[in-house]
Protein backbone atom coordinates (compact mmCIF):
# COMPACT_ATOMS: atom_id res chain seq x y z
CA MET A 1 -41.60 21.98 -23.05
CA TYR A 2 -43.36 24.21 -25.77
CA ALA A 3 -44.67 20.99 -27.86
CA GLN A 4 -48.13 21.38 -26.32
CA ILE A 5 -48.45 25.02 -27.64
CA TRP A 6 -47.22 24.16 -31.13
CA THR A 7 -49.55 21.29 -31.52
CA LYS A 8 -52.18 23.41 -30.95
CA TYR A 9 -51.24 25.87 -33.37
CA LEU A 10 -50.06 22.74 -35.89
CA PRO A 11 -53.38 22.84 -38.02
CA ILE A 12 -52.91 26.63 -38.64
CA ILE A 13 -49.33 25.83 -39.73
CA ARG A 14 -50.04 22.84 -41.94
CA ILE A 15 -52.56 25.34 -43.71
CA LEU A 16 -49.97 28.16 -43.92
CA LEU A 17 -47.65 25.54 -45.32
CA LYS A 18 -49.84 24.75 -48.29
CA ARG A 19 -50.69 28.27 -49.00
CA THR A 20 -46.81 29.10 -49.26
CA LYS A 21 -46.99 28.05 -53.05
CA GLN A 22 -48.14 31.72 -53.77
CA ASP A 23 -46.44 34.00 -51.24
CA GLY A 24 -44.76 33.73 -47.58
CA GLN A 25 -47.44 33.20 -45.03
CA VAL A 26 -47.58 35.08 -41.43
CA LEU A 27 -49.38 33.73 -38.17
CA ASP A 28 -49.84 36.02 -35.09
CA LEU A 29 -49.01 33.85 -32.41
CA ASN A 30 -50.35 34.65 -28.30
CA ARG A 31 -47.21 36.04 -26.81
CA ILE A 32 -48.65 34.87 -23.30
CA ASP A 33 -48.85 31.36 -24.22
CA PHE A 34 -45.20 31.23 -24.72
CA GLU A 35 -43.98 33.73 -21.88
CA ARG A 36 -45.92 31.35 -19.12
CA MET A 37 -44.09 28.29 -20.50
CA GLY A 38 -40.76 30.16 -20.63
CA SER A 39 -38.27 32.37 -18.64
CA GLY A 40 -40.59 35.49 -19.59
CA ARG A 41 -37.54 36.66 -21.54
CA LYS A 42 -38.85 38.14 -24.79
CA ALA A 43 -35.37 38.55 -26.57
CA GLY A 44 -35.19 34.81 -26.41
CA TYR A 45 -38.22 33.99 -28.53
CA LYS A 46 -36.46 34.29 -32.06
CA PHE A 47 -35.42 31.71 -34.41
CA THR A 48 -35.21 30.34 -37.82
CA ILE A 49 -35.70 26.61 -38.85
CA GLU A 50 -34.76 25.58 -42.16
CA PHE A 51 -36.56 22.34 -43.94
CA THR A 52 -34.83 20.49 -46.80
CA LYS A 53 -36.87 17.46 -47.98
CA GLY A 54 -38.31 17.01 -44.55
CA ARG A 55 -35.27 17.37 -42.44
CA VAL A 56 -34.18 20.33 -40.46
CA SER A 57 -31.21 21.39 -42.36
CA ASN A 58 -29.71 23.97 -39.70
CA LEU A 59 -28.47 24.18 -35.90
CA ILE A 60 -31.67 24.86 -33.74
CA SER A 61 -30.25 22.65 -30.78
CA SER A 62 -29.82 26.10 -28.36
CA SER A 63 -33.58 26.99 -28.90
CA ALA A 64 -35.97 24.83 -27.08
CA LEU A 65 -38.83 26.72 -28.81
CA ALA A 66 -37.33 25.95 -32.65
CA SER A 67 -36.48 22.25 -31.36
CA ASP A 68 -40.22 21.54 -30.28
CA LEU A 69 -41.37 23.19 -33.56
CA ALA A 70 -39.28 21.28 -35.71
CA ALA A 71 -40.19 17.89 -33.36
CA VAL A 72 -44.11 18.60 -33.87
CA MET A 73 -43.82 19.48 -37.43
CA ILE A 74 -41.72 16.34 -38.56
CA GLU A 75 -43.84 14.28 -36.05
CA ASP A 76 -46.97 14.95 -37.86
CA LYS A 77 -47.31 12.78 -41.00
CA ALA A 78 -49.37 14.96 -43.16
CA THR A 79 -47.02 18.23 -42.38
CA LYS A 80 -43.83 15.96 -42.73
CA GLU A 81 -45.35 14.46 -46.19
CA PHE A 82 -45.40 18.29 -47.06
CA LEU A 83 -42.30 19.51 -45.85
CA GLU A 84 -40.66 16.62 -47.96
CA GLY A 85 -41.82 18.16 -51.19
CA GLY A 86 -39.47 20.94 -50.88
CA GLU A 87 -37.56 23.56 -49.06
CA TYR A 88 -38.85 25.84 -46.35
CA THR A 89 -37.97 28.21 -43.49
CA VAL A 90 -40.08 28.77 -40.47
CA SER A 91 -38.87 32.04 -38.60
CA LEU A 92 -40.13 33.29 -35.43
CA ASN A 93 -39.72 37.08 -34.82
CA THR A 94 -39.69 39.49 -31.55
CA LYS A 95 -43.30 40.46 -32.55
CA PHE A 96 -44.24 36.74 -31.98
CA GLN A 97 -45.13 36.23 -35.62
CA LEU A 98 -44.16 33.16 -37.33
CA LEU A 99 -43.02 33.48 -40.68
CA ILE A 100 -43.32 30.42 -43.15
CA LYS A 101 -41.74 30.74 -46.76
CA ASN A 102 -40.95 28.23 -49.48
CA VAL A 103 -37.77 29.06 -50.54
CA ALA A 104 -37.57 26.42 -53.53
CA PRO A 105 -40.84 24.99 -54.62
CA ALA A 106 -41.16 21.53 -55.75
CA THR A 107 -41.90 21.20 -59.59
CA GLU A 108 -44.92 18.70 -59.84
CA GLU A 109 -43.57 17.15 -62.76
CA GLY A 110 -40.79 15.48 -60.91
CA ALA A 111 -42.80 13.78 -58.06
CA GLU A 112 -43.04 10.19 -58.21
C-alpha cells in the first residue's frame, strides 16, 4: 500500500544510510503523501524497524507502513547489500521524521 511512496524516498534513504557511519540521520517526510494513502490517523504513523545483517530482526507485521518500507529497502539490491554490512534502526516518529541509525558499525577489516 505504501510501497510507491517509499520507492520515491529510497534514493535519499540510501544516501542517508551511507552517512550513518558518522552519525544518525534524519529525513523529513511529506505528511500528506502518507495521509492520502492511509486512514488519516496521525497517531498510527510511528514505528521502528531493526535490521541485522540485511534482515528485519523485530516484529513489524502490525504496521503496513513499516512492512512496506522494509520490503522496499530489502528488495533494492544496493540498499540490501549496505544493510548486510551492519545493524541499523529505521524509525518514524509522529512528526514524520525518518530516523536512521547505525547501531553496530561493521569493521572493514572483517569483510570478505
